[in-house]
């Protein structure tokens, strides 16, 4: 026994090899478990895409799916998470401030890098929005809850508020600067007011607010109503993911003009790489400066930033008269590539 110990001590690389082997064996189930969680989410997106491309899901049915998710299932899910999350997590000023700062930096950087002779305010602003606005509602809430547990959802809800109320309104307002209603501060103010009216008409922020109020008041819905709402909430994830694929397929099918890769790949790189790295660096710096930002909240923020671009921006671009083919291409590519990049981010951070 003593000789074996002496021999092993005389060959230090044996320890390093054993440590490396143990690390691989220890991490292998973790990587597999992560893929087991993420794969079904992206597989449902692919299923919606294939079903639409093959004509199994009529394009005329997609607005109905969107309405079900937006007005029924997703608000029910957000209310459930909000009402069962401690109110302190829903009022996290550090999370709000850090994420808002990063969103504004992303919007400004994307505009500076992409606007030119062909891409003006309308197309540039919507491109900046897909660079800064992850698919948190349709994909992030259920995916992060599955990966990190329900305790992560409070942070995710704060990020949804930033993206829907501030980032979206800002980009919609900027998109109107080269519109027909004039330029300058008056045009920006008018566009901002219209954007805010759109936020007020969106049921998702109201579901978050009502859930937060219920959490603070420790209120529970009557049992039959609660069970009905929870059934709707359970339907949100699969239908929303399937709808993402259908929307992407429809946009791709209706895009009928060639597009240089330089119009969309830089924005794809900003969304999948620059955005999460920026959030990580700013968050770490904020913690070092003494901001009360929790490490677990920062992990959630980085993973949300690593999600693909929000699919509803394609509908917004269509309504605002922007180049929806470009926006849809960015969303499609970020969704496809993020299966690898998001899984890698989860592996690195967890």
Protein backbone atom coordinates (compact mmCIF):
# COMPACT_ATOMS: atom_id res chain seq x y z
CA UNK A 1 0.00 0.00 0.00
CA UNK A 2 2.79 2.44 0.92
CA UNK A 3 4.63 1.67 -2.32
CA UNK A 4 1.52 2.41 -4.37
CA UNK A 5 1.09 5.75 -2.66
CA UNK A 6 4.76 6.59 -3.21
CA UNK A 7 4.56 5.61 -6.90
CA UNK A 8 1.48 7.77 -7.41
CA UNK A 9 3.06 10.71 -5.65
CA UNK A 10 6.08 10.38 -7.93
CA UNK A 11 3.90 10.80 -11.03
CA UNK A 12 1.90 14.05 -10.48
CA UNK A 13 0.19 13.89 -13.86
CA UNK A 14 -1.78 10.87 -12.63
CA UNK A 15 -3.65 13.14 -10.24
CA UNK A 16 -4.42 15.58 -13.04
CA UNK A 17 -5.68 12.81 -15.34
CA UNK A 18 -7.87 11.37 -12.60
CA UNK A 19 -9.26 14.82 -11.80
CA UNK A 20 -10.00 15.48 -15.48
CA UNK A 21 -11.71 12.11 -15.88
CA UNK A 22 -13.82 12.67 -12.78
CA UNK A 23 -14.77 16.15 -14.03
CA UNK A 24 -15.88 14.72 -17.38
CA UNK A 25 -17.90 11.98 -15.72
CA UNK A 26 -19.40 14.51 -13.32
CA UNK A 27 -20.33 17.05 -16.01
CA UNK A 28 -21.62 14.61 -18.60
CA UNK A 29 -25.00 14.05 -16.95
CA UNK A 30 -25.31 17.79 -16.44
CA UNK A 31 -24.88 18.50 -20.16
CA UNK A 32 -27.27 15.68 -21.04
CA UNK A 33 -29.82 16.95 -18.54
CA UNK A 34 -29.61 20.45 -20.01
CA UNK A 35 -30.19 19.11 -23.51
CA UNK A 36 -33.08 17.00 -22.24
CA UNK A 37 -34.72 20.20 -21.00
CA UNK A 38 -33.93 22.49 -23.95
CA UNK A 39 -34.50 20.04 -26.81
CA UNK A 40 -38.31 19.68 -26.42
CA UNK A 41 -38.73 23.48 -26.44
CA UNK A 42 -36.86 23.91 -29.72
CA UNK A 43 -38.44 20.73 -31.13
CA UNK A 44 -41.90 22.27 -30.65
CA UNK A 45 -40.77 25.38 -32.52
CA UNK A 46 -39.52 23.15 -35.34
CA UNK A 47 -42.82 21.25 -35.33
CA UNK A 48 -44.77 24.47 -35.85
CA UNK A 49 -42.40 25.53 -38.61
CA UNK A 50 -42.67 22.21 -40.47
CA UNK A 51 -46.45 22.00 -40.02
CA UNK A 52 -46.88 25.43 -41.63
CA UNK A 53 -44.38 24.84 -44.42
CA UNK A 54 -46.09 21.56 -45.35
CA UNK A 55 -49.59 23.06 -45.26
CA UNK A 56 -50.73 20.98 -42.30
CA UNK A 57 -51.43 24.21 -40.42
CA UNK A 58 -53.18 26.77 -42.65
CA UNK A 59 -51.61 30.22 -42.58
CA UNK A 60 -55.08 31.62 -41.89
CA UNK A 61 -55.13 29.72 -38.58
CA UNK A 62 -51.96 31.34 -37.21
CA UNK A 63 -53.64 34.57 -36.01
CA UNK A 64 -56.04 32.44 -33.97
CA UNK A 65 -53.14 30.62 -32.30
CA UNK A 66 -51.48 33.96 -31.62
CA UNK A 67 -54.63 35.36 -30.05
CA UNK A 68 -55.09 32.30 -27.83
CA UNK A 69 -51.53 32.56 -26.55
CA UNK A 70 -51.48 36.36 -26.17
CA UNK A 71 -54.93 36.91 -24.65
CA UNK A 72 -55.58 33.70 -22.73
CA UNK A 73 -52.78 31.21 -22.07
CA UNK A 74 -49.77 33.47 -21.55
CA UNK A 75 -51.56 35.97 -19.25
CA UNK A 76 -52.79 33.04 -17.16
CA UNK A 77 -49.25 31.68 -16.88
CA UNK A 78 -47.79 35.09 -15.98
CA UNK A 79 -50.51 35.66 -13.39
CA UNK A 80 -49.83 32.26 -11.84
CA UNK A 81 -46.09 32.88 -11.59
CA UNK A 82 -46.61 36.46 -10.38
CA UNK A 83 -49.13 35.54 -7.71
CA UNK A 84 -46.95 32.72 -6.36
CA UNK A 85 -43.67 34.70 -6.38
CA UNK A 86 -42.63 36.77 -3.33
CA UNK A 87 -43.34 40.43 -4.02
CA UNK A 88 -39.72 41.35 -3.20
CA UNK A 89 -38.50 39.45 -6.27
CA UNK A 90 -41.01 41.30 -8.47
CA UNK A 91 -39.79 44.71 -7.23
CA UNK A 92 -36.06 44.16 -7.69
CA UNK A 93 -34.68 47.57 -8.60
CA UNK A 94 -31.15 46.29 -9.20
CA UNK A 95 -32.34 43.78 -11.79
CA UNK A 96 -34.52 46.41 -13.44
CA UNK A 97 -31.76 49.03 -13.61
CA UNK A 98 -28.95 46.78 -14.86
CA UNK A 99 -31.09 45.10 -17.51
CA UNK A 100 -32.57 48.43 -18.68
CA UNK A 101 -29.09 49.93 -19.05
CA UNK A 102 -27.97 46.96 -21.16
CA UNK A 103 -31.11 47.14 -23.31
CA UNK A 104 -30.52 50.81 -24.05
CA UNK A 105 -26.87 50.14 -24.92
CA UNK A 106 -27.92 47.32 -27.27
CA UNK A 107 -30.49 49.52 -29.03
CA UNK A 108 -28.01 52.36 -29.48
CA UNK A 109 -25.22 50.06 -30.67
CA UNK A 110 -27.46 48.21 -33.13
CA UNK A 111 -28.70 51.48 -34.62
CA UNK A 112 -25.18 52.83 -34.95
CA UNK A 113 -23.90 49.65 -36.63
CA UNK A 114 -26.77 48.95 -39.05
CA UNK A 115 -28.31 52.23 -40.20
CA UNK A 116 -27.22 53.53 -43.59
CA UNK A 117 -28.47 54.48 -47.03
CA UNK A 118 -30.81 51.45 -47.29
CA UNK A 119 -31.69 50.94 -43.62
CA UNK A 120 -33.35 54.04 -42.21
CA UNK A 121 -35.09 54.69 -38.89
CA UNK A 122 -38.03 52.33 -39.45
CA UNK A 123 -36.01 49.26 -40.43
CA UNK A 124 -33.10 50.20 -38.17
CA UNK A 125 -35.25 50.59 -35.05
CA UNK A 126 -37.04 47.29 -35.54
CA UNK A 127 -33.67 45.63 -36.17
CA UNK A 128 -32.39 47.17 -32.94
CA UNK A 129 -35.44 45.81 -31.14
CA UNK A 130 -34.75 42.22 -32.21
CA UNK A 131 -31.13 42.72 -31.10
CA UNK A 132 -32.23 43.71 -27.58
CA UNK A 133 -35.60 41.97 -27.07
CA UNK A 134 -35.34 38.22 -26.28
CA UNK A 135 -38.25 35.85 -26.66
CA UNK A 136 -38.89 35.95 -22.93
CA UNK A 137 -42.68 35.63 -22.86
CA UNK A 138 -43.24 32.77 -25.31
CA UNK A 139 -40.02 30.86 -24.58
CA UNK A 140 -38.10 32.30 -21.63
CA UNK A 141 -40.66 31.92 -18.83
CA UNK A 142 -41.35 28.19 -19.30
CA UNK A 143 -37.76 27.36 -20.29
CA UNK A 144 -36.11 29.13 -17.34
CA UNK A 145 -38.70 27.69 -14.95
CA UNK A 146 -37.87 24.20 -16.22
CA UNK A 147 -34.11 24.76 -16.01
CA UNK A 148 -33.73 26.77 -12.80
CA UNK A 149 -37.02 26.22 -10.99
CA UNK A 150 -40.00 28.51 -10.28
CA UNK A 151 -37.85 30.81 -8.11
CA UNK A 152 -36.24 32.19 -11.28
CA UNK A 153 -39.51 33.45 -12.70
CA UNK A 154 -39.66 36.56 -10.50
CA UNK A 155 -36.52 37.89 -12.18
CA UNK A 156 -37.82 36.90 -15.62
CA UNK A 157 -41.02 38.88 -15.02
CA UNK A 158 -39.00 42.02 -14.20
CA UNK A 159 -37.14 41.60 -17.51
CA UNK A 160 -40.42 41.21 -19.42
CA UNK A 161 -41.61 44.53 -18.01
CA UNK A 162 -38.41 46.27 -19.18
CA UNK A 163 -38.65 44.80 -22.67
CA UNK A 164 -42.35 45.36 -23.19
CA UNK A 165 -42.80 48.76 -21.56
CA UNK A 166 -39.48 50.55 -22.17
CA UNK A 167 -37.46 48.89 -24.95
CA UNK A 168 -40.41 48.20 -27.27
CA UNK A 169 -41.93 51.67 -26.78
CA UNK A 170 -38.58 53.35 -27.42
CA UNK A 171 -37.93 51.41 -30.64
CA UNK A 172 -41.45 51.96 -31.94
CA UNK A 173 -41.09 55.69 -31.25
CA UNK A 174 -37.72 55.82 -33.04
CA UNK A 175 -39.15 53.92 -36.02
CA UNK A 176 -41.50 56.82 -36.71
CA UNK A 177 -38.76 59.43 -37.08
CA UNK A 178 -38.66 59.03 -40.86
CA UNK A 179 -42.44 58.74 -41.18
CA UNK A 180 -44.82 61.09 -42.90
CA UNK A 181 -46.05 62.81 -39.76
CA UNK A 182 -42.91 64.94 -39.51
CA UNK A 183 -39.58 64.88 -37.74
CA UNK A 184 -38.18 66.06 -34.48
CA UNK A 185 -39.42 65.97 -30.91
CA UNK A 186 -43.14 66.24 -31.79
CA UNK A 187 -42.99 63.18 -34.07
CA UNK A 188 -41.06 61.22 -31.41
CA UNK A 189 -43.56 62.21 -28.70
CA UNK A 190 -46.53 61.25 -30.88
CA UNK A 191 -44.98 57.88 -31.69
CA UNK A 192 -44.13 57.31 -28.03
CA UNK A 193 -47.73 57.94 -27.01
CA UNK A 194 -48.96 55.45 -29.61
CA UNK A 195 -46.43 52.89 -28.41
CA UNK A 196 -47.54 53.29 -24.82
CA UNK A 197 -51.18 52.88 -25.87
CA UNK A 198 -50.11 49.60 -27.46
CA UNK A 199 -48.55 48.51 -24.17
CA UNK A 200 -51.74 49.39 -22.29
CA UNK A 201 -53.73 47.26 -24.73
CA UNK A 202 -51.42 44.27 -24.22
CA UNK A 203 -52.78 41.84 -21.60
CA UNK A 204 -49.35 40.55 -20.54
CA UNK A 205 -48.32 43.58 -18.42
CA UNK A 206 -51.74 43.61 -16.78
CA UNK A 207 -51.41 39.92 -15.89
CA UNK A 208 -48.04 40.69 -14.29
CA UNK A 209 -49.49 43.63 -12.34
CA UNK A 210 -52.48 41.61 -11.12
CA UNK A 211 -50.21 38.73 -10.14
CA UNK A 212 -47.96 41.09 -8.18
CA UNK A 213 -50.96 42.58 -6.38
CA UNK A 214 -52.23 39.09 -5.54
CA UNK A 215 -48.78 38.16 -4.22
CA UNK A 216 -48.56 41.26 -2.04
CA UNK A 217 -52.10 40.78 -0.69
CA UNK A 218 -51.67 36.99 -0.36
CA UNK A 219 -54.85 36.64 -2.40
CA UNK A 220 -55.98 33.41 -4.02
CA UNK A 221 -58.60 33.00 -6.69
CA UNK A 222 -61.68 30.90 -5.88
CA UNK A 223 -60.75 27.28 -6.44
CA UNK A 224 -62.85 26.65 -9.61
CA UNK A 225 -61.55 29.87 -11.18
CA UNK A 226 -57.99 29.06 -10.16
CA UNK A 227 -58.15 25.58 -11.68
CA UNK A 228 -59.50 27.04 -14.93
CA UNK A 229 -56.74 29.67 -15.05
CA UNK A 230 -54.07 27.07 -14.26
CA UNK A 231 -55.35 24.86 -17.12
CA UNK A 232 -54.89 27.81 -19.48
CA UNK A 233 -51.45 28.44 -17.99
CA UNK A 234 -50.43 24.83 -18.63
CA UNK A 235 -51.37 25.26 -22.30
CA UNK A 236 -49.19 28.38 -22.73
CA UNK A 237 -45.80 26.73 -23.24
CA UNK A 238 -46.54 24.12 -25.94
CA UNK A 239 -48.95 26.33 -27.91
CA UNK A 240 -46.66 29.37 -27.71
CA UNK A 241 -43.63 27.40 -28.91
CA UNK A 242 -45.60 25.79 -31.74
CA UNK A 243 -46.92 29.23 -32.70
CA UNK A 244 -43.38 30.67 -32.82
CA UNK A 245 -42.48 28.08 -35.45
CA UNK A 246 -45.66 28.77 -37.41
CA UNK A 247 -45.06 32.54 -37.39
CA UNK A 248 -41.46 32.07 -38.53
CA UNK A 249 -42.55 29.75 -41.35
CA UNK A 250 -45.23 32.18 -42.50
CA UNK A 251 -42.80 35.10 -42.53
CA UNK A 252 -40.24 33.05 -44.45
CA UNK A 253 -42.84 31.94 -47.00
CA UNK A 254 -44.08 35.48 -47.55
CA UNK A 255 -40.59 36.95 -47.91
CA UNK A 256 -40.09 37.21 -51.66
CA UNK A 257 -36.96 39.32 -52.13
CA UNK A 258 -33.26 38.40 -51.93
CA UNK A 259 -31.39 39.64 -48.91
CA UNK A 260 -27.63 40.02 -48.38
CA UNK A 261 -26.28 38.22 -45.33
CA UNK A 262 -24.85 41.52 -44.09
CA UNK A 263 -28.41 42.74 -43.48
CA UNK A 264 -29.16 40.20 -40.78
CA UNK A 265 -26.09 38.21 -39.59
CA UNK A 266 -24.57 41.16 -37.65
CA UNK A 267 -27.83 41.55 -35.71
CA UNK A 268 -27.93 37.78 -35.09
CA UNK A 269 -24.42 37.99 -33.60
CA UNK A 270 -25.42 40.97 -31.45
CA UNK A 271 -28.43 39.12 -30.04
CA UNK A 272 -26.86 35.75 -29.33
CA UNK A 273 -23.35 36.81 -28.27
CA UNK A 274 -23.05 40.52 -27.51
CA UNK A 275 -26.26 40.85 -25.51
CA UNK A 276 -25.57 38.08 -22.92
CA UNK A 277 -21.89 39.06 -22.64
CA UNK A 278 -22.86 42.69 -22.05
CA UNK A 279 -25.38 41.73 -19.35
CA UNK A 280 -22.79 39.49 -17.67
CA UNK A 281 -20.06 42.16 -17.65
CA UNK A 282 -22.36 44.97 -16.51
CA UNK A 283 -23.92 42.73 -13.84
CA UNK A 284 -20.56 41.62 -12.45
CA UNK A 285 -19.38 45.24 -12.41
CA UNK A 286 -22.55 46.30 -10.62
CA UNK A 287 -22.03 43.65 -7.93
CA UNK A 288 -18.41 44.75 -7.46
CA UNK A 289 -19.60 48.35 -7.09
CA UNK A 290 -21.92 47.30 -4.28
CA UNK A 291 -25.26 47.15 -6.10
CA UNK A 292 -27.57 44.63 -4.38
CA UNK A 293 -27.75 42.31 -7.37
CA UNK A 294 -27.97 38.63 -6.44
CA UNK A 295 -25.74 36.16 -8.26
CA UNK A 296 -28.69 33.87 -9.05
CA UNK A 297 -30.63 36.82 -10.48
CA UNK A 298 -27.66 37.70 -12.70
CA UNK A 299 -27.57 34.12 -13.99
CA UNK A 300 -31.23 34.40 -14.98
CA UNK A 301 -30.58 37.78 -16.65
CA UNK A 302 -27.71 36.40 -18.73
CA UNK A 303 -29.67 33.32 -19.80
CA UNK A 304 -32.67 35.44 -20.79
CA UNK A 305 -30.34 37.66 -22.83
CA UNK A 306 -29.03 34.54 -24.58
CA UNK A 307 -32.52 33.63 -25.83
CA UNK A 308 -33.40 34.20 -29.51
CA UNK A 309 -35.16 37.35 -30.68
CA UNK A 310 -38.82 37.84 -29.78
CA UNK A 311 -41.10 36.45 -32.48
CA UNK A 312 -43.80 39.09 -31.98
CA UNK A 313 -41.45 41.77 -33.37
CA UNK A 314 -42.18 40.30 -36.81
CA UNK A 315 -45.87 41.16 -36.38
CA UNK A 316 -44.91 44.61 -35.16
CA UNK A 317 -42.65 45.18 -38.18
CA UNK A 318 -45.47 44.16 -40.51
CA UNK A 319 -47.85 46.61 -38.87
CA UNK A 320 -45.33 49.47 -38.97
CA UNK A 321 -44.38 48.92 -42.60
CA UNK A 322 -40.77 47.88 -41.92
CA UNK A 323 -38.85 45.26 -43.90
CA UNK A 324 -40.51 42.27 -42.28
CA UNK A 325 -38.47 39.83 -44.38
CA UNK A 326 -35.28 41.05 -42.70
CA UNK A 327 -36.81 40.96 -39.21
CA UNK A 328 -38.26 37.49 -39.75
CA UNK A 329 -34.90 36.24 -41.04
CA UNK A 330 -33.14 37.52 -37.90
CA UNK A 331 -35.73 35.84 -35.67
CA UNK A 332 -35.53 32.59 -37.62
CA UNK A 333 -31.73 32.40 -37.56
CA UNK A 334 -31.43 33.36 -33.87
CA UNK A 335 -34.03 30.73 -32.98
CA UNK A 336 -32.21 28.01 -34.92
CA UNK A 337 -28.70 28.90 -33.75
CA UNK A 338 -29.72 29.48 -30.13
CA UNK A 339 -30.39 25.78 -29.63
CA UNK A 340 -26.60 25.45 -29.52
CA UNK A 341 -25.64 28.83 -28.06
CA UNK A 342 -28.30 28.86 -25.34
CA UNK A 343 -27.50 25.29 -24.29
CA UNK A 344 -23.82 26.29 -24.12
CA UNK A 345 -24.69 29.32 -21.99
CA UNK A 346 -26.68 27.16 -19.58
CA UNK A 347 -23.81 24.69 -19.35
CA UNK A 348 -21.32 27.47 -18.64
CA UNK A 349 -23.41 29.28 -16.04
CA UNK A 350 -25.01 26.42 -14.16
